[in-house]
Protein backbone atom coordinates (compact mmCIF):
# COMPACT_ATOMS: atom_id res chain seq x y z
CA UNK A 1 -77.63 -5.17 -19.56
CA UNK A 2 -78.08 -2.07 -21.81
CA UNK A 3 -81.42 -2.61 -23.51
CA UNK A 4 -84.33 -0.53 -22.44
CA UNK A 5 -86.73 -3.48 -22.36
CA UNK A 6 -84.35 -5.53 -20.19
CA UNK A 7 -83.92 -2.77 -17.71
CA UNK A 8 -87.73 -2.24 -17.58
CA UNK A 9 -88.37 -5.94 -17.00
CA UNK A 10 -85.84 -6.21 -14.27
CA UNK A 11 -87.20 -3.08 -12.44
CA UNK A 12 -90.78 -4.38 -12.78
CA UNK A 13 -89.65 -7.71 -11.20
CA UNK A 14 -87.83 -5.81 -8.42
CA UNK A 15 -90.84 -3.64 -7.65
CA UNK A 16 -93.20 -6.68 -7.74
CA UNK A 17 -95.63 -5.11 -10.14
CA UNK A 18 -97.11 -6.30 -13.32
CA UNK A 19 -96.67 -4.85 -16.82
CA UNK A 20 -100.29 -3.70 -16.73
CA UNK A 21 -99.69 -1.93 -13.52
CA UNK A 22 -96.65 -0.23 -14.94
CA UNK A 23 -98.56 0.89 -18.05
CA UNK A 24 -101.52 2.15 -15.97
CA UNK A 25 -99.22 4.02 -13.43
CA UNK A 26 -97.17 5.55 -16.28
CA UNK A 27 -100.27 6.75 -18.20
CA UNK A 28 -99.59 4.82 -21.26
CA UNK A 29 -101.51 1.92 -22.92
CA UNK A 30 -100.48 -1.72 -22.43
CA UNK A 31 -100.06 -1.89 -26.24
CA UNK A 32 -97.59 0.99 -26.09
CA UNK A 33 -95.69 -0.60 -23.27
CA UNK A 34 -95.46 -3.93 -25.33
CA UNK A 35 -94.27 -1.93 -28.31
CA UNK A 36 -91.51 -0.47 -26.18
CA UNK A 37 -90.56 -3.83 -24.80
CA UNK A 38 -90.76 -5.73 -28.02
CA UNK A 39 -89.59 -3.28 -30.58
CA UNK A 40 -87.76 -0.71 -28.59
CA UNK A 41 -90.26 1.81 -30.00
CA UNK A 42 -90.45 4.66 -27.32
CA UNK A 43 -90.89 8.34 -27.26
CA UNK A 44 -88.88 10.23 -24.65
CA UNK A 45 -92.04 11.38 -22.92
CA UNK A 46 -93.13 7.74 -22.54
CA UNK A 47 -89.75 6.70 -21.18
CA UNK A 48 -89.87 9.68 -18.76
CA UNK A 49 -93.26 8.55 -17.42
CA UNK A 50 -92.04 4.89 -17.11
CA UNK A 51 -88.85 6.08 -15.31
CA UNK A 52 -90.92 8.17 -12.91
CA UNK A 53 -93.15 5.19 -12.09
CA UNK A 54 -90.11 2.94 -11.51
CA UNK A 55 -88.24 5.59 -9.48
CA UNK A 56 -85.27 5.70 -11.88
CA UNK A 57 -84.10 8.15 -14.45
CA UNK A 58 -84.38 7.98 -18.20
CA UNK A 59 -80.56 7.81 -18.68
CA UNK A 60 -80.63 4.53 -16.66
CA UNK A 61 -83.52 3.11 -18.71
CA UNK A 62 -81.61 3.94 -21.94
CA UNK A 63 -78.40 2.23 -20.61
CA UNK A 64 -76.50 5.55 -20.58
CA UNK A 65 -75.55 5.28 -16.95
CA UNK A 66 -75.39 2.50 -14.26
CA UNK A 67 -76.84 4.97 -11.78
CA UNK A 68 -80.58 4.46 -11.29
CA UNK A 69 -81.07 7.84 -9.66
CA UNK A 70 -79.36 10.97 -10.77
CA UNK A 71 -79.94 14.71 -10.19
CA UNK A 72 -81.45 16.71 -13.05
CA UNK A 73 -77.92 18.23 -13.70
CA UNK A 74 -76.34 14.77 -13.95
CA UNK A 75 -79.06 13.56 -16.22
CA UNK A 76 -78.75 16.68 -18.41
CA UNK A 77 -74.96 16.06 -18.65
CA UNK A 78 -75.63 12.59 -20.12
CA UNK A 79 -77.62 14.30 -22.90
CA UNK A 80 -81.17 13.96 -21.67
CA UNK A 81 -82.77 17.44 -21.48
CA UNK A 82 -86.36 18.24 -21.17
CA UNK A 83 -87.48 20.88 -23.58
CA UNK A 84 -91.03 21.99 -23.95
CA UNK A 85 -92.57 22.09 -27.46
CA UNK A 86 -93.10 25.87 -27.31
CA UNK A 87 -89.46 26.38 -26.35
CA UNK A 88 -88.35 24.36 -29.42
CA UNK A 89 -90.66 26.46 -31.70
CA UNK A 90 -89.31 29.61 -30.22
CA UNK A 91 -85.73 28.50 -30.81
CA UNK A 92 -86.47 27.53 -34.30
CA UNK A 93 -88.00 31.00 -35.01
CA UNK A 94 -84.77 32.61 -33.62
CA UNK A 95 -82.65 30.35 -35.87
CA UNK A 96 -84.71 31.34 -38.95
CA UNK A 97 -84.35 34.99 -38.01
CA UNK A 98 -80.61 34.68 -37.67
CA UNK A 99 -80.38 32.84 -40.98
CA UNK A 100 -82.30 35.54 -42.70
CA UNK A 101 -79.96 38.15 -41.13
CA UNK A 102 -76.97 36.20 -42.42
CA UNK A 103 -78.38 35.93 -45.98
CA UNK A 104 -78.94 39.67 -46.06
CA UNK A 105 -75.28 40.40 -45.22
CA UNK A 106 -74.05 38.13 -48.07
């Protein structure tokens, strides 16, 4: 079972909650949850909220690991890292500065 929607449906059944309850507890709309389940159309932030509600990690939902609960270090090692938008922008600025410095040296 590696599809996100399959894992979510199994976890919902195990927890004995409805999809509406999952959506509400995860702070996403029911329509968004259905889009995730039917079209595998999910943002990382949405998966993170669903995972928190279901008490598992995002890597498990994505089928990257059979472990439902991992430490932040283990999850980061599987490739899931939380980066804030302002940190991304700052990194992009540094990259642009470094590229400019390299071009000046050429």
